[in-house]
């Protein structure tokens, strides 16, 4: 076993666990579950006015329609999204990110960014750039293997 290779892989795994724990803590503090946040994120990624059909959201998130519906209910009850018919047609439902949902997303994103910044604070800007470049190279190789 190559000790340098092993050190890299173990350290990446440890950092992944730290990031996952920090994200769970931020979500819990904001009263969101990971799956719920992913819905808010998917709506935001779609661009203003942050509206999508349930089938579009399910496809973006890789969920069944039933799984998506189960996640939408608590978000709607919390006032973070609204579901309604499009142009009075009740057969065409749209999911809309509300102002409260947008605020919840922004609060979470800001808190998560603070945690990530704290993790990377030990690196100077040049080291961050080098690390980002090296990780990009690894991700590209891994993606190419997945596509093959």
Protein backbone atom coordinates (compact mmCIF):
# COMPACT_ATOMS: atom_id res chain seq x y z
CA UNK A 1 0.00 0.00 0.00
CA UNK A 2 1.30 3.44 -0.94
CA UNK A 3 1.35 5.48 2.30
CA UNK A 4 0.96 8.81 0.49
CA UNK A 5 -2.02 7.54 -1.48
CA UNK A 6 -3.59 6.15 1.69
CA UNK A 7 -2.98 9.44 3.54
CA UNK A 8 -4.73 11.40 0.76
CA UNK A 9 -7.75 9.10 0.65
CA UNK A 10 -8.13 8.97 4.43
CA UNK A 11 -7.83 12.75 4.75
CA UNK A 12 -10.41 13.33 2.02
CA UNK A 13 -12.78 10.97 3.83
CA UNK A 14 -12.19 12.72 7.17
CA UNK A 15 -12.82 16.14 5.61
CA UNK A 16 -15.98 14.79 3.96
CA UNK A 17 -17.26 13.63 7.35
CA UNK A 18 -16.46 17.00 8.94
CA UNK A 19 -18.29 18.85 6.17
CA UNK A 20 -21.32 16.53 6.41
CA UNK A 21 -21.50 16.98 10.20
CA UNK A 22 -21.22 20.76 9.88
CA UNK A 23 -23.98 20.82 7.23
CA UNK A 24 -26.28 18.70 9.38
CA UNK A 25 -25.69 21.04 12.34
CA UNK A 26 -26.45 24.13 10.25
CA UNK A 27 -29.61 22.53 8.86
CA UNK A 28 -30.79 21.46 12.31
CA UNK A 29 -30.18 24.95 13.68
CA UNK A 30 -32.30 26.34 10.85
CA UNK A 31 -35.05 23.76 11.36
CA UNK A 32 -34.51 22.14 7.96
CA UNK A 33 -33.74 18.60 6.90
CA UNK A 34 -31.21 17.90 4.16
CA UNK A 35 -33.89 16.81 1.67
CA UNK A 36 -35.95 19.91 2.34
CA UNK A 37 -32.97 22.19 1.80
CA UNK A 38 -32.25 20.43 -1.50
CA UNK A 39 -35.75 21.39 -2.68
CA UNK A 40 -35.16 25.05 -1.78
CA UNK A 41 -31.81 24.86 -3.56
CA UNK A 42 -33.37 23.28 -6.66
CA UNK A 43 -35.94 26.07 -6.81
CA UNK A 44 -33.23 28.71 -6.45
CA UNK A 45 -31.06 27.10 -9.14
CA UNK A 46 -33.99 27.34 -11.55
CA UNK A 47 -33.71 31.13 -11.35
CA UNK A 48 -36.23 33.81 -10.48
CA UNK A 49 -39.15 33.66 -9.89
CA UNK A 50 -38.13 30.31 -8.29
CA UNK A 51 -41.04 28.28 -9.62
CA UNK A 52 -41.11 24.71 -10.95
CA UNK A 53 -43.57 21.92 -11.53
CA UNK A 54 -43.42 18.96 -9.14
CA UNK A 55 -42.26 16.72 -11.99
CA UNK A 56 -39.43 19.14 -12.84
CA UNK A 57 -38.32 19.19 -9.20
CA UNK A 58 -38.51 15.41 -8.90
CA UNK A 59 -36.38 15.02 -12.03
CA UNK A 60 -33.80 17.58 -10.84
CA UNK A 61 -33.51 15.84 -7.48
CA UNK A 62 -33.71 12.24 -8.71
CA UNK A 63 -36.82 11.55 -6.63
CA UNK A 64 -40.08 9.78 -7.31
CA UNK A 65 -43.17 12.00 -7.40
CA UNK A 66 -44.35 10.43 -4.14
CA UNK A 67 -41.05 11.07 -2.35
CA UNK A 68 -41.09 14.67 -3.54
CA UNK A 69 -44.67 15.16 -2.40
CA UNK A 70 -43.76 13.91 1.08
CA UNK A 71 -40.96 16.49 1.26
CA UNK A 72 -43.10 19.34 -0.06
CA UNK A 73 -45.77 18.96 2.63
CA UNK A 74 -43.66 20.12 5.60
CA UNK A 75 -42.12 22.94 3.55
CA UNK A 76 -45.58 24.15 2.59
CA UNK A 77 -46.82 23.87 6.19
CA UNK A 78 -43.82 25.96 7.30
CA UNK A 79 -44.66 28.61 4.70
CA UNK A 80 -41.40 28.09 2.78
CA UNK A 81 -43.11 27.08 -0.46
CA UNK A 82 -46.56 27.36 -1.97
CA UNK A 83 -48.25 24.88 -4.27
CA UNK A 84 -50.95 26.07 -6.56
CA UNK A 85 -52.53 25.79 -9.96
CA UNK A 86 -50.99 27.57 -12.90
CA UNK A 87 -53.17 30.30 -14.39
CA UNK A 88 -56.27 28.89 -12.69
CA UNK A 89 -55.71 25.39 -14.10
CA UNK A 90 -55.74 23.09 -11.08
CA UNK A 91 -54.33 20.24 -13.15
CA UNK A 92 -51.02 22.09 -13.65
CA UNK A 93 -49.49 22.51 -10.21
CA UNK A 94 -46.49 24.77 -9.65
CA UNK A 95 -44.22 24.96 -6.63
CA UNK A 96 -43.16 28.47 -5.66
CA UNK A 97 -40.42 29.48 -3.24
CA UNK A 98 -41.96 32.02 -0.86
CA UNK A 99 -40.18 35.03 0.63
CA UNK A 100 -39.87 33.05 3.88
CA UNK A 101 -38.37 30.13 1.94
CA UNK A 102 -35.92 32.43 0.23
CA UNK A 103 -34.92 33.89 3.62
CA UNK A 104 -34.46 30.39 5.07
CA UNK A 105 -32.30 29.44 2.11
CA UNK A 106 -30.16 32.58 2.47
CA UNK A 107 -29.70 32.07 6.23
CA UNK A 108 -28.66 28.46 5.71
CA UNK A 109 -26.30 29.29 2.85
CA UNK A 110 -24.64 32.07 4.89
CA UNK A 111 -24.20 29.78 7.91
CA UNK A 112 -22.80 26.99 5.77
CA UNK A 113 -20.43 29.42 4.07
CA UNK A 114 -19.10 30.52 7.47
CA UNK A 115 -18.37 26.92 8.42
CA UNK A 116 -16.63 26.21 5.13
CA UNK A 117 -14.58 29.40 5.45
CA UNK A 118 -13.51 28.39 8.95
CA UNK A 119 -12.39 24.99 7.65
CA UNK A 120 -10.31 26.58 4.88
CA UNK A 121 -8.97 29.45 7.04
CA UNK A 122 -5.73 27.59 7.67
CA UNK A 123 -4.83 27.85 3.97
CA UNK A 124 -3.57 31.04 2.36
CA UNK A 125 -5.17 32.14 -0.94
CA UNK A 126 -2.48 30.49 -3.09
CA UNK A 127 -2.87 27.20 -1.21
CA UNK A 128 -6.65 27.37 -1.65
CA UNK A 129 -6.22 27.89 -5.39
CA UNK A 130 -3.78 24.98 -5.64
CA UNK A 131 -6.07 22.70 -3.65
CA UNK A 132 -9.10 23.69 -5.77
CA UNK A 133 -7.14 22.95 -8.96
CA UNK A 134 -5.94 19.56 -7.72
CA UNK A 135 -9.41 18.54 -6.52
CA UNK A 136 -10.94 19.66 -9.83
CA UNK A 137 -8.47 17.40 -11.63
CA UNK A 138 -9.46 14.44 -9.44
CA UNK A 139 -13.18 15.12 -9.88
CA UNK A 140 -12.84 15.33 -13.66
CA UNK A 141 -11.04 11.99 -13.74
CA UNK A 142 -13.66 10.38 -11.49
CA UNK A 143 -16.48 11.78 -13.65
CA UNK A 144 -14.83 10.41 -16.81
CA UNK A 145 -14.64 6.96 -15.21
CA UNK A 146 -18.33 7.13 -14.29
CA UNK A 147 -19.23 8.04 -17.87
CA UNK A 148 -17.26 5.14 -19.34
